[in-house]
Amino acid sequence: MNDQDPTEDDLIRLLVDSWSALRAGTLGEDQQALLDRERPQWQCEAANLIAEGLLAYVTVEMVEPDLAHDREVDPHDTPTPQDYAARLGAHMMDFVDYRGDLVKTRRLGTH
């Protein structure tokens, strides 16, 4: 997309920033056309990177603290893989439930 080979971090930032701008309605047509031509799967790549990052973030910042609190309440309660999966699934569904809110905030002019 330019004459220099981007580093992996640069490419990740480009993909995620472009995907976010597309969803927010601010990605320029020229930039989208370039990405579509040079990396036809760029939206899928970006979505996978974001999903993997959200999964890690939710696990570390939300699931583990939830289960740590449960252990404080009952020190003999050892979470199972099923406990982690259930808690992670519940948090991820919370994110999915927010999908329509970006459109609402755009209509309100908050971004």
Protein backbone atom coordinates (compact mmCIF):
# COMPACT_ATOMS: atom_id res chain seq x y z
CA MET A 1 0.00 0.00 0.00
CA ASN A 2 3.11 2.12 0.02
CA ASP A 3 6.66 1.68 -1.25
CA GLN A 4 7.98 0.45 2.10
CA ASP A 5 7.04 -2.86 3.63
CA PRO A 6 5.04 -2.13 6.75
CA THR A 7 5.91 -3.94 9.92
CA GLU A 8 3.34 -6.38 11.26
CA ASP A 9 2.35 -3.84 13.93
CA ASP A 10 1.88 -1.16 11.25
CA LEU A 11 -0.28 -3.51 9.21
CA ILE A 12 -2.39 -4.47 12.21
CA ARG A 13 -2.93 -0.80 13.09
CA LEU A 14 -3.86 0.02 9.48
CA LEU A 15 -6.35 -2.84 9.29
CA VAL A 16 -7.98 -2.12 12.65
CA ASP A 17 -8.07 1.65 12.16
CA SER A 18 -9.54 1.23 8.68
CA TRP A 19 -12.12 -1.31 9.84
CA SER A 20 -13.14 1.00 12.68
CA ALA A 21 -13.39 3.99 10.35
CA LEU A 22 -15.49 1.96 7.92
CA ARG A 23 -17.91 1.01 10.68
CA ALA A 24 -18.06 4.60 11.91
CA GLY A 25 -18.70 5.86 8.38
CA THR A 26 -15.47 7.85 8.14
CA LEU A 27 -13.23 5.68 5.91
CA GLY A 28 -12.41 7.54 2.73
CA GLU A 29 -13.50 5.97 -0.54
CA ASP A 30 -9.94 6.07 -1.90
CA GLN A 31 -8.56 4.28 1.16
CA GLN A 32 -11.27 1.64 1.01
CA ALA A 33 -10.72 1.09 -2.71
CA LEU A 34 -6.98 0.70 -2.13
CA LEU A 35 -7.49 -1.80 0.67
CA ASP A 36 -10.10 -3.71 -1.33
CA ARG A 37 -7.70 -3.95 -4.27
CA GLU A 38 -4.47 -4.68 -2.36
CA ARG A 39 -5.90 -6.91 0.42
CA PRO A 40 -9.32 -8.21 -0.64
CA GLN A 41 -9.82 -9.97 2.72
CA TRP A 42 -8.80 -6.96 4.81
CA GLN A 43 -12.16 -6.63 6.56
CA CYS A 44 -12.08 -10.29 7.62
CA GLU A 45 -8.49 -9.95 8.80
CA ALA A 46 -9.35 -6.89 10.85
CA ALA A 47 -12.48 -8.48 12.32
CA ASN A 48 -10.48 -11.55 13.36
CA LEU A 49 -7.78 -9.43 14.99
CA ILE A 50 -10.41 -7.45 16.88
CA ALA A 51 -12.28 -10.59 17.94
CA GLU A 52 -9.08 -12.22 19.21
CA GLY A 53 -8.18 -9.07 21.10
CA LEU A 54 -11.64 -8.74 22.62
CA LEU A 55 -11.56 -12.37 23.67
CA ALA A 56 -8.25 -11.90 25.46
CA TYR A 57 -9.32 -8.59 27.00
CA VAL A 58 -12.63 -9.95 28.26
CA THR A 59 -10.93 -13.02 29.70
CA VAL A 60 -8.24 -11.06 31.54
CA GLU A 61 -10.22 -7.98 32.55
CA MET A 62 -13.70 -9.38 33.14
CA VAL A 63 -13.89 -13.18 33.43
CA GLU A 64 -10.91 -13.72 35.70
CA PRO A 65 -11.95 -10.94 38.13
CA ASP A 66 -15.49 -12.36 38.21
CA LEU A 67 -14.20 -15.80 39.09
CA ALA A 68 -11.68 -14.39 41.58
CA HIS A 69 -14.57 -12.68 43.36
CA ASP A 70 -16.44 -15.99 43.42
CA ARG A 71 -13.36 -17.61 45.01
CA GLU A 72 -13.29 -14.88 47.68
CA VAL A 73 -16.90 -15.68 48.54
CA ASP A 74 -16.21 -19.43 48.56
CA PRO A 75 -12.49 -20.29 48.77
CA HIS A 76 -13.26 -23.95 48.03
CA ASP A 77 -14.91 -23.07 44.73
CA THR A 78 -12.43 -23.88 41.97
CA PRO A 79 -13.62 -22.70 38.56
CA THR A 80 -13.84 -25.33 35.86
CA PRO A 81 -13.21 -24.78 32.16
CA GLN A 82 -17.00 -24.79 31.80
CA ASP A 83 -17.22 -21.92 34.32
CA TYR A 84 -14.74 -19.90 32.29
CA ALA A 85 -16.57 -20.68 29.05
CA ALA A 86 -19.97 -19.77 30.49
CA ARG A 87 -18.73 -16.48 31.93
CA LEU A 88 -16.83 -15.62 28.75
CA GLY A 89 -19.89 -16.43 26.63
CA ALA A 90 -22.08 -14.21 28.78
CA HIS A 91 -19.69 -11.26 28.49
CA MET A 92 -19.29 -11.76 24.74
CA MET A 93 -23.08 -11.76 24.30
CA ASP A 94 -23.14 -8.43 26.15
CA PHE A 95 -20.86 -7.05 23.43
CA VAL A 96 -22.98 -8.55 20.65
CA ASP A 97 -26.07 -6.96 22.16
CA TYR A 98 -24.50 -3.50 21.70
CA ARG A 99 -24.09 -3.82 17.91
CA GLY A 100 -26.91 -1.43 17.05
CA ASP A 101 -25.74 1.30 19.41
CA LEU A 102 -23.07 2.65 17.06
CA VAL A 103 -25.78 3.58 14.57
CA LYS A 104 -27.77 5.24 17.36
CA THR A 105 -24.83 7.36 18.48
CA ARG A 106 -24.09 8.38 14.90
CA ARG A 107 -27.68 9.57 14.49
CA LEU A 108 -27.38 11.57 17.70
CA GLY A 109 -24.21 13.21 16.41
CA THR A 110 -22.09 12.09 19.35
CA HIS A 111 -19.27 11.01 17.04
